[in-house]
Amino acid sequence: MTDVNFKDQTQFEWAVLPPLPSKIISRIDFTTNTDLLALAKENDFNVNFIVGPCTKDGVEDNGGSLGGVYWSRTHIYFGTKSAPGYAEAMAKGPPYTYQAYAERLQLDAAHGPMCFTLVGGAMPMRRLRSNVAVIPFKRSN
């Protein structure tokens, strides 16, 4: 996980009129053995995530997720047309690295561990849910 400035994250230019506000947010880099864009297209899935305190049942959603899951500047969901460089990156094989953005997470022993899981799916009754990953307390800048 890395602290980044919202105004420097070009992924969000579609959602907010320029200039983007200056605000520190958390970027969560994660890897998976699954090509998420292929999964989304094959199943008409939206791909999102939940991040928050770890619980005995998984993750308590803190409602702080921003904008879904990304690969570089590309938003990963069933309607993504193409992404420059994506096919080449996937051809190298897993693990594949993606990014998710959230309101700045409090990562310290006082707040307890934070967890992350991918969620999404399509109607009716088809859902995407990954395993739960614990985000370490160490923060990189």
N, C-alpha and C. Protein backbone atom coordinates (compact mmCIF):
# COMPACT_ATOMS: atom_id res chain seq x y z
N MET A 1 0.83 -1.17 0.00
CA MET A 1 0.00 0.00 0.00
C MET A 1 0.88 1.23 0.00
N THR A 2 0.46 2.25 -0.74
CA THR A 2 1.21 3.49 -0.87
C THR A 2 0.26 4.67 -0.71
N ASP A 3 0.73 5.71 -0.05
CA ASP A 3 -0.03 6.96 -0.01
C ASP A 3 0.27 7.73 -1.29
N VAL A 4 -0.78 8.20 -1.96
CA VAL A 4 -0.64 8.98 -3.19
C VAL A 4 -1.57 10.18 -3.11
N ASN A 5 -1.32 11.16 -3.97
CA ASN A 5 -2.18 12.33 -4.01
C ASN A 5 -3.25 12.12 -5.08
N PHE A 6 -4.49 12.27 -4.71
CA PHE A 6 -5.62 12.09 -5.63
C PHE A 6 -5.43 12.88 -6.91
N LYS A 7 -4.91 14.12 -6.80
CA LYS A 7 -4.78 14.99 -7.98
C LYS A 7 -3.80 14.45 -9.01
N ASP A 8 -2.92 13.53 -8.61
CA ASP A 8 -1.94 12.97 -9.53
C ASP A 8 -2.37 11.64 -10.14
N GLN A 9 -3.53 11.14 -9.78
CA GLN A 9 -4.00 9.84 -10.26
C GLN A 9 -4.91 10.04 -11.48
N THR A 10 -4.35 9.86 -12.66
CA THR A 10 -5.07 10.14 -13.90
C THR A 10 -6.26 9.21 -14.11
N GLN A 11 -6.35 8.12 -13.38
CA GLN A 11 -7.49 7.21 -13.50
C GLN A 11 -8.80 7.93 -13.20
N PHE A 12 -8.76 8.97 -12.40
CA PHE A 12 -9.98 9.61 -11.93
C PHE A 12 -10.39 10.83 -12.76
N GLU A 13 -9.68 11.10 -13.83
CA GLU A 13 -10.02 12.27 -14.65
C GLU A 13 -11.42 12.18 -15.22
N TRP A 14 -11.92 10.97 -15.45
CA TRP A 14 -13.27 10.78 -16.01
C TRP A 14 -14.36 11.11 -15.01
N ALA A 15 -14.04 11.05 -13.73
CA ALA A 15 -15.07 11.19 -12.69
C ALA A 15 -15.16 12.59 -12.10
N VAL A 16 -14.09 13.37 -12.21
CA VAL A 16 -14.04 14.68 -11.57
C VAL A 16 -13.51 15.69 -12.59
N LEU A 17 -14.17 16.82 -12.68
CA LEU A 17 -13.70 17.86 -13.59
C LEU A 17 -12.36 18.41 -13.10
N PRO A 18 -11.44 18.70 -14.02
CA PRO A 18 -10.13 19.24 -13.62
C PRO A 18 -10.30 20.63 -13.01
N PRO A 19 -9.42 21.04 -12.15
CA PRO A 19 -8.33 20.23 -11.63
C PRO A 19 -8.82 19.31 -10.53
N LEU A 20 -8.19 18.15 -10.43
CA LEU A 20 -8.54 17.21 -9.36
C LEU A 20 -8.10 17.79 -8.02
N PRO A 21 -8.86 17.57 -6.96
CA PRO A 21 -8.47 18.11 -5.66
C PRO A 21 -7.23 17.40 -5.09
N SER A 22 -6.46 18.16 -4.35
CA SER A 22 -5.30 17.59 -3.68
C SER A 22 -5.76 16.95 -2.38
N LYS A 23 -5.56 15.63 -2.29
CA LYS A 23 -5.99 14.87 -1.12
C LYS A 23 -5.19 13.58 -1.08
N ILE A 24 -4.66 13.23 0.07
CA ILE A 24 -3.90 11.99 0.20
C ILE A 24 -4.87 10.82 0.32
N ILE A 25 -4.67 9.82 -0.56
CA ILE A 25 -5.48 8.61 -0.55
C ILE A 25 -4.52 7.41 -0.52
N SER A 26 -5.07 6.22 -0.36
CA SER A 26 -4.27 5.00 -0.33
C SER A 26 -4.42 4.25 -1.65
N ARG A 27 -3.27 3.87 -2.24
CA ARG A 27 -3.27 3.00 -3.41
C ARG A 27 -2.85 1.61 -2.94
N ILE A 28 -3.68 0.64 -3.21
CA ILE A 28 -3.40 -0.75 -2.83
C ILE A 28 -3.00 -1.50 -4.10
N ASP A 29 -1.75 -1.90 -4.17
CA ASP A 29 -1.28 -2.74 -5.27
C ASP A 29 -1.45 -4.18 -4.83
N PHE A 30 -2.08 -4.99 -5.66
CA PHE A 30 -2.29 -6.39 -5.31
C PHE A 30 -2.06 -7.26 -6.54
N THR A 31 -1.75 -8.52 -6.30
CA THR A 31 -1.54 -9.46 -7.40
C THR A 31 -2.57 -10.58 -7.32
N THR A 32 -2.81 -11.15 -8.49
CA THR A 32 -3.72 -12.27 -8.60
C THR A 32 -3.22 -13.18 -9.72
N ASN A 33 -3.58 -14.44 -9.66
CA ASN A 33 -3.26 -15.36 -10.74
C ASN A 33 -4.31 -15.35 -11.84
N THR A 34 -5.35 -14.53 -11.67
CA THR A 34 -6.45 -14.44 -12.62
C THR A 34 -6.37 -13.14 -13.40
N ASP A 35 -6.53 -13.24 -14.71
CA ASP A 35 -6.63 -12.06 -15.57
C ASP A 35 -8.02 -11.47 -15.31
N LEU A 36 -8.08 -10.40 -14.54
CA LEU A 36 -9.37 -9.85 -14.12
C LEU A 36 -10.18 -9.27 -15.27
N LEU A 37 -9.52 -8.70 -16.27
CA LEU A 37 -10.26 -8.16 -17.41
C LEU A 37 -10.90 -9.29 -18.21
N ALA A 38 -10.17 -10.37 -18.44
CA ALA A 38 -10.74 -11.51 -19.15
C ALA A 38 -11.92 -12.09 -18.37
N LEU A 39 -11.76 -12.21 -17.04
CA LEU A 39 -12.84 -12.71 -16.19
C LEU A 39 -14.07 -11.81 -16.29
N ALA A 40 -13.85 -10.50 -16.23
CA ALA A 40 -14.96 -9.54 -16.30
C ALA A 40 -15.69 -9.64 -17.64
N LYS A 41 -14.93 -9.70 -18.74
CA LYS A 41 -15.56 -9.75 -20.06
C LYS A 41 -16.29 -11.07 -20.28
N GLU A 42 -15.69 -12.19 -19.88
CA GLU A 42 -16.31 -13.50 -20.09
C GLU A 42 -17.61 -13.65 -19.31
N ASN A 43 -17.72 -12.97 -18.17
CA ASN A 43 -18.88 -13.15 -17.30
C ASN A 43 -19.76 -11.91 -17.17
N ASP A 44 -19.46 -10.86 -17.94
CA ASP A 44 -20.18 -9.57 -17.81
C ASP A 44 -20.15 -9.06 -16.38
N PHE A 45 -18.99 -9.20 -15.74
CA PHE A 45 -18.83 -8.80 -14.34
C PHE A 45 -18.37 -7.36 -14.20
N ASN A 46 -18.89 -6.70 -13.18
CA ASN A 46 -18.27 -5.51 -12.64
C ASN A 46 -17.25 -6.02 -11.63
N VAL A 47 -16.13 -5.32 -11.50
CA VAL A 47 -15.10 -5.72 -10.55
C VAL A 47 -14.86 -4.56 -9.60
N ASN A 48 -15.02 -4.80 -8.32
CA ASN A 48 -14.81 -3.77 -7.31
C ASN A 48 -14.09 -4.42 -6.14
N PHE A 49 -14.03 -3.72 -5.02
CA PHE A 49 -13.35 -4.27 -3.85
C PHE A 49 -13.96 -3.70 -2.59
N ILE A 50 -13.68 -4.39 -1.50
CA ILE A 50 -14.03 -3.92 -0.16
C ILE A 50 -12.74 -3.86 0.63
N VAL A 51 -12.57 -2.79 1.38
CA VAL A 51 -11.42 -2.65 2.26
C VAL A 51 -11.93 -2.12 3.60
N GLY A 52 -11.35 -2.66 4.67
CA GLY A 52 -11.76 -2.20 5.99
C GLY A 52 -11.18 -3.11 7.06
N PRO A 53 -11.60 -2.93 8.29
CA PRO A 53 -11.09 -3.76 9.39
C PRO A 53 -11.36 -5.24 9.14
N CYS A 54 -10.41 -6.08 9.52
CA CYS A 54 -10.58 -7.53 9.43
C CYS A 54 -11.57 -7.98 10.51
N THR A 55 -12.43 -8.92 10.16
CA THR A 55 -13.37 -9.49 11.12
C THR A 55 -13.29 -11.01 11.01
N LYS A 56 -13.96 -11.71 11.89
CA LYS A 56 -13.96 -13.17 11.82
C LYS A 56 -14.65 -13.65 10.55
N ASP A 57 -15.50 -12.81 9.95
CA ASP A 57 -16.21 -13.18 8.72
C ASP A 57 -15.52 -12.66 7.46
N GLY A 58 -14.40 -11.95 7.60
CA GLY A 58 -13.69 -11.43 6.43
C GLY A 58 -13.34 -9.97 6.56
N VAL A 59 -14.10 -9.12 5.88
CA VAL A 59 -13.80 -7.68 5.83
C VAL A 59 -15.04 -6.89 6.21
N GLU A 60 -14.86 -5.91 7.09
CA GLU A 60 -15.93 -4.97 7.39
C GLU A 60 -15.77 -3.79 6.44
N ASP A 61 -16.72 -3.60 5.54
CA ASP A 61 -16.62 -2.54 4.53
C ASP A 61 -16.63 -1.18 5.20
N ASN A 62 -15.57 -0.40 4.99
CA ASN A 62 -15.52 0.94 5.57
C ASN A 62 -16.09 1.99 4.62
N GLY A 63 -16.56 1.55 3.44
CA GLY A 63 -17.17 2.48 2.49
C GLY A 63 -16.20 3.44 1.85
N GLY A 64 -14.90 3.19 1.98
CA GLY A 64 -13.91 4.13 1.48
C GLY A 64 -13.32 3.80 0.13
N SER A 65 -13.87 2.82 -0.59
CA SER A 65 -13.29 2.48 -1.89
C SER A 65 -13.57 3.59 -2.90
N LEU A 66 -12.59 3.81 -3.78
CA LEU A 66 -12.69 4.86 -4.79
C LEU A 66 -12.52 4.25 -6.19
N GLY A 67 -13.56 4.24 -6.96
CA GLY A 67 -13.44 3.97 -8.39
C GLY A 67 -13.15 2.59 -8.89
N GLY A 68 -13.24 1.54 -8.12
CA GLY A 68 -13.08 0.20 -8.65
C GLY A 68 -11.63 -0.27 -8.70
N VAL A 69 -11.36 -1.20 -9.63
CA VAL A 69 -10.05 -1.83 -9.77
C VAL A 69 -9.44 -1.37 -11.09
N TYR A 70 -8.13 -1.16 -11.08
CA TYR A 70 -7.43 -0.64 -12.25
C TYR A 70 -6.20 -1.47 -12.58
N TRP A 71 -5.83 -1.44 -13.84
CA TRP A 71 -4.52 -1.87 -14.30
C TRP A 71 -3.96 -0.66 -15.02
N SER A 72 -2.89 -0.10 -14.48
CA SER A 72 -2.35 1.15 -14.99
C SER A 72 -3.49 2.19 -14.98
N ARG A 73 -3.83 2.78 -16.12
CA ARG A 73 -4.91 3.77 -16.17
C ARG A 73 -6.25 3.14 -16.54
N THR A 74 -6.28 1.84 -16.74
CA THR A 74 -7.46 1.17 -17.27
C THR A 74 -8.36 0.65 -16.16
N HIS A 75 -9.62 1.06 -16.22
CA HIS A 75 -10.64 0.60 -15.28
C HIS A 75 -11.04 -0.82 -15.70
N ILE A 76 -10.99 -1.77 -14.77
CA ILE A 76 -11.29 -3.17 -15.07
C ILE A 76 -12.77 -3.45 -14.80
N TYR A 77 -13.50 -3.70 -15.88
CA TYR A 77 -14.91 -4.11 -15.78
C TYR A 77 -15.33 -4.66 -17.14
N PHE A 78 -16.50 -5.24 -17.22
CA PHE A 78 -16.93 -5.94 -18.42
C PHE A 78 -16.95 -5.08 -19.67
N GLY A 79 -17.12 -3.78 -19.53
CA GLY A 79 -17.23 -2.89 -20.69
C GLY A 79 -15.93 -2.29 -21.18
N THR A 80 -14.81 -2.63 -20.57
CA THR A 80 -13.52 -2.08 -20.99
C THR A 80 -13.23 -2.55 -22.42
N LYS A 81 -12.96 -1.60 -23.31
CA LYS A 81 -12.74 -1.92 -24.73
C LYS A 81 -11.34 -2.47 -24.96
N SER A 82 -10.32 -1.68 -24.66
CA SER A 82 -8.95 -2.13 -24.84
C SER A 82 -8.06 -1.32 -23.90
N ALA A 83 -6.90 -1.86 -23.65
CA ALA A 83 -5.96 -1.20 -22.75
C ALA A 83 -4.57 -1.34 -23.36
N PRO A 84 -3.95 -0.22 -23.74
CA PRO A 84 -2.62 -0.31 -24.33
C PRO A 84 -1.65 -1.04 -23.40
N GLY A 85 -1.02 -2.09 -23.91
CA GLY A 85 -0.04 -2.84 -23.15
C GLY A 85 -0.60 -3.97 -22.31
N TYR A 86 -1.93 -4.03 -22.16
CA TYR A 86 -2.53 -5.03 -21.27
C TYR A 86 -2.30 -6.45 -21.79
N ALA A 87 -2.58 -6.69 -23.06
CA ALA A 87 -2.43 -8.04 -23.61
C ALA A 87 -0.99 -8.52 -23.47
N GLU A 88 -0.04 -7.64 -23.72
CA GLU A 88 1.37 -8.01 -23.58
C GLU A 88 1.72 -8.36 -22.13
N ALA A 89 1.21 -7.59 -21.20
CA ALA A 89 1.47 -7.85 -19.78
C ALA A 89 0.85 -9.19 -19.35
N MET A 90 -0.36 -9.48 -19.82
CA MET A 90 -1.02 -10.73 -19.46
C MET A 90 -0.33 -11.93 -20.11
N ALA A 91 0.23 -11.72 -21.30
CA ALA A 91 0.92 -12.81 -22.01
C ALA A 91 2.14 -13.31 -21.24
N LYS A 92 2.70 -12.48 -20.38
CA LYS A 92 3.85 -12.88 -19.57
C LYS A 92 3.44 -13.88 -18.49
N GLY A 93 2.16 -13.98 -18.23
CA GLY A 93 1.66 -14.92 -17.23
C GLY A 93 1.57 -14.32 -15.85
N PRO A 94 0.91 -15.06 -14.94
CA PRO A 94 0.72 -14.56 -13.58
C PRO A 94 2.04 -14.55 -12.80
N PRO A 95 2.08 -13.79 -11.72
CA PRO A 95 0.98 -13.02 -11.14
C PRO A 95 0.78 -11.70 -11.89
N TYR A 96 -0.47 -11.26 -11.92
CA TYR A 96 -0.86 -10.00 -12.54
C TYR A 96 -1.05 -8.96 -11.44
N THR A 97 -0.57 -7.75 -11.68
CA THR A 97 -0.66 -6.70 -10.67
C THR A 97 -1.72 -5.68 -11.05
N TYR A 98 -2.57 -5.36 -10.09
CA TYR A 98 -3.65 -4.38 -10.26
C TYR A 98 -3.58 -3.37 -9.13
N GLN A 99 -4.38 -2.31 -9.26
CA GLN A 99 -4.44 -1.28 -8.23
C GLN A 99 -5.89 -1.02 -7.83
N ALA A 100 -6.04 -0.67 -6.57
CA ALA A 100 -7.33 -0.22 -6.04
C ALA A 100 -7.03 1.02 -5.20
N TYR A 101 -7.96 1.93 -5.13
CA TYR A 101 -7.77 3.19 -4.41
C TYR A 101 -8.86 3.34 -3.36
N ALA A 102 -8.45 3.88 -2.21
CA ALA A 102 -9.38 4.05 -1.10
C ALA A 102 -9.06 5.33 -0.34
N GLU A 103 -10.05 5.79 0.41
CA GLU A 103 -9.76 6.87 1.35
C GLU A 103 -8.56 6.43 2.18
N ARG A 104 -7.76 7.36 2.64
CA ARG A 104 -6.52 7.01 3.35
C ARG A 104 -6.81 6.06 4.51
N LEU A 105 -6.14 4.91 4.46
CA LEU A 105 -6.34 3.88 5.47
C LEU A 105 -5.46 4.12 6.68
N GLN A 106 -5.99 3.87 7.85
CA GLN A 106 -5.24 3.96 9.10
C GLN A 106 -4.61 2.59 9.36
N LEU A 107 -3.31 2.50 9.09
CA LEU A 107 -2.61 1.23 9.27
C LEU A 107 -1.67 1.33 10.46
N ASP A 108 -2.17 0.94 11.60
CA ASP A 108 -1.34 0.90 12.80
C ASP A 108 -1.98 -0.06 13.80
N ALA A 109 -1.20 -0.45 14.77
CA ALA A 109 -1.66 -1.44 15.74
C ALA A 109 -2.90 -0.96 16.50
N ALA A 110 -3.02 0.34 16.70
CA ALA A 110 -4.17 0.87 17.44
C ALA A 110 -5.49 0.63 16.70
N HIS A 111 -5.45 0.64 15.37
CA HIS A 111 -6.67 0.43 14.59
C HIS A 111 -6.88 -1.03 14.22
N GLY A 112 -5.89 -1.88 14.45
CA GLY A 112 -6.00 -3.29 14.11
C GLY A 112 -5.75 -3.52 12.63
N PRO A 113 -5.69 -4.78 12.23
CA PRO A 113 -5.39 -5.08 10.83
C PRO A 113 -6.53 -4.68 9.90
N MET A 114 -6.15 -4.35 8.67
CA MET A 114 -7.11 -4.04 7.61
C MET A 114 -7.08 -5.17 6.60
N CYS A 115 -8.23 -5.45 6.02
CA CYS A 115 -8.34 -6.51 5.04
C CYS A 115 -8.91 -5.99 3.73
N PHE A 116 -8.72 -6.78 2.68
CA PHE A 116 -9.08 -6.40 1.32
C PHE A 116 -9.63 -7.63 0.61
N THR A 117 -10.70 -7.46 -0.15
CA THR A 117 -11.23 -8.55 -0.97
C THR A 117 -11.85 -7.97 -2.23
N LEU A 118 -11.75 -8.70 -3.32
CA LEU A 118 -12.42 -8.30 -4.56
C LEU A 118 -13.86 -8.75 -4.50
N VAL A 119 -14.74 -7.92 -5.02
CA VAL A 119 -16.17 -8.24 -5.08
C VAL A 119 -16.70 -7.76 -6.42
N GLY A 120 -17.87 -8.20 -6.75
CA GLY A 120 -18.51 -7.76 -7.98
C GLY A 120 -19.43 -8.84 -8.49
N GLY A 121 -19.66 -8.78 -9.79
CA GLY A 121 -20.51 -9.79 -10.39
C GLY A 121 -21.46 -9.19 -11.38
N ALA A 122 -22.54 -9.92 -11.64
CA ALA A 122 -23.56 -9.50 -12.60
C ALA A 122 -24.90 -10.02 -12.12
N MET A 123 -25.94 -9.41 -12.59
CA MET A 123 -27.28 -9.86 -12.24
C MET A 123 -27.65 -11.00 -13.15
N PRO A 124 -28.48 -11.87 -12.84
CA PRO A 124 -28.96 -12.17 -11.51
C PRO A 124 -28.10 -13.26 -10.85
N MET A 125 -27.81 -13.08 -9.62
CA MET A 125 -27.24 -14.11 -8.75
C MET A 125 -25.85 -14.61 -9.14
N ARG A 126 -25.13 -13.90 -9.97
CA ARG A 126 -23.76 -14.30 -10.28
C ARG A 126 -22.85 -13.30 -9.60
N ARG A 127 -21.91 -13.81 -8.81
CA ARG A 127 -21.09 -12.88 -8.05
C ARG A 127 -19.63 -13.26 -8.10
N LEU A 128 -18.83 -12.26 -7.87
CA LEU A 128 -17.40 -12.40 -7.79
C LEU A 128 -17.00 -12.10 -6.35
N ARG A 129 -16.20 -12.97 -5.77
CA ARG A 129 -15.70 -12.74 -4.41
C ARG A 129 -14.36 -13.46 -4.31
N SER A 130 -13.30 -12.73 -4.02
CA SER A 130 -11.98 -13.33 -3.89
C SER A 130 -11.71 -13.73 -2.45
N ASN A 131 -10.56 -14.32 -2.25
CA ASN A 131 -10.14 -14.58 -0.88
C ASN A 131 -9.84 -13.24 -0.20
N VAL A 132 -9.66 -13.25 1.09
CA VAL A 132 -9.39 -12.03 1.86
C VAL A 132 -7.89 -11.91 2.09
N ALA A 133 -7.36 -10.73 1.81
CA ALA A 133 -5.94 -10.46 2.04
C ALA A 133 -5.80 -9.46 3.18
N VAL A 134 -4.84 -9.69 4.05
CA VAL A 134 -4.56 -8.77 5.14
C VAL A 134 -3.53 -7.76 4.65
N ILE A 135 -3.82 -6.47 4.85
CA ILE A 135 -2.89 -5.40 4.46
C ILE A 135 -1.93 -5.19 5.62
N PRO A 136 -0.63 -5.31 5.35
CA PRO A 136 0.35 -5.16 6.45
C PRO A 136 0.36 -3.73 6.99
N PHE A 137 0.80 -3.59 8.25
CA PHE A 137 0.87 -2.27 8.86
C PHE A 137 1.87 -1.36 8.16
N LYS A 138 2.93 -1.92 7.61
CA LYS A 138 3.97 -1.10 7.00
C LYS A 138 3.41 -0.34 5.80
N ARG A 139 3.68 0.93 5.76
CA ARG A 139 3.22 1.81 4.68
C ARG A 139 4.43 2.25 3.88
N SER A 140 4.34 2.17 2.55
CA SER A 140 5.44 2.67 1.71
C SER A 140 5.02 3.98 1.07
N ASN A 141 5.97 4.87 0.90
CA ASN A 141 5.69 6.17 0.28
C ASN A 141 6.57 6.37 -0.92
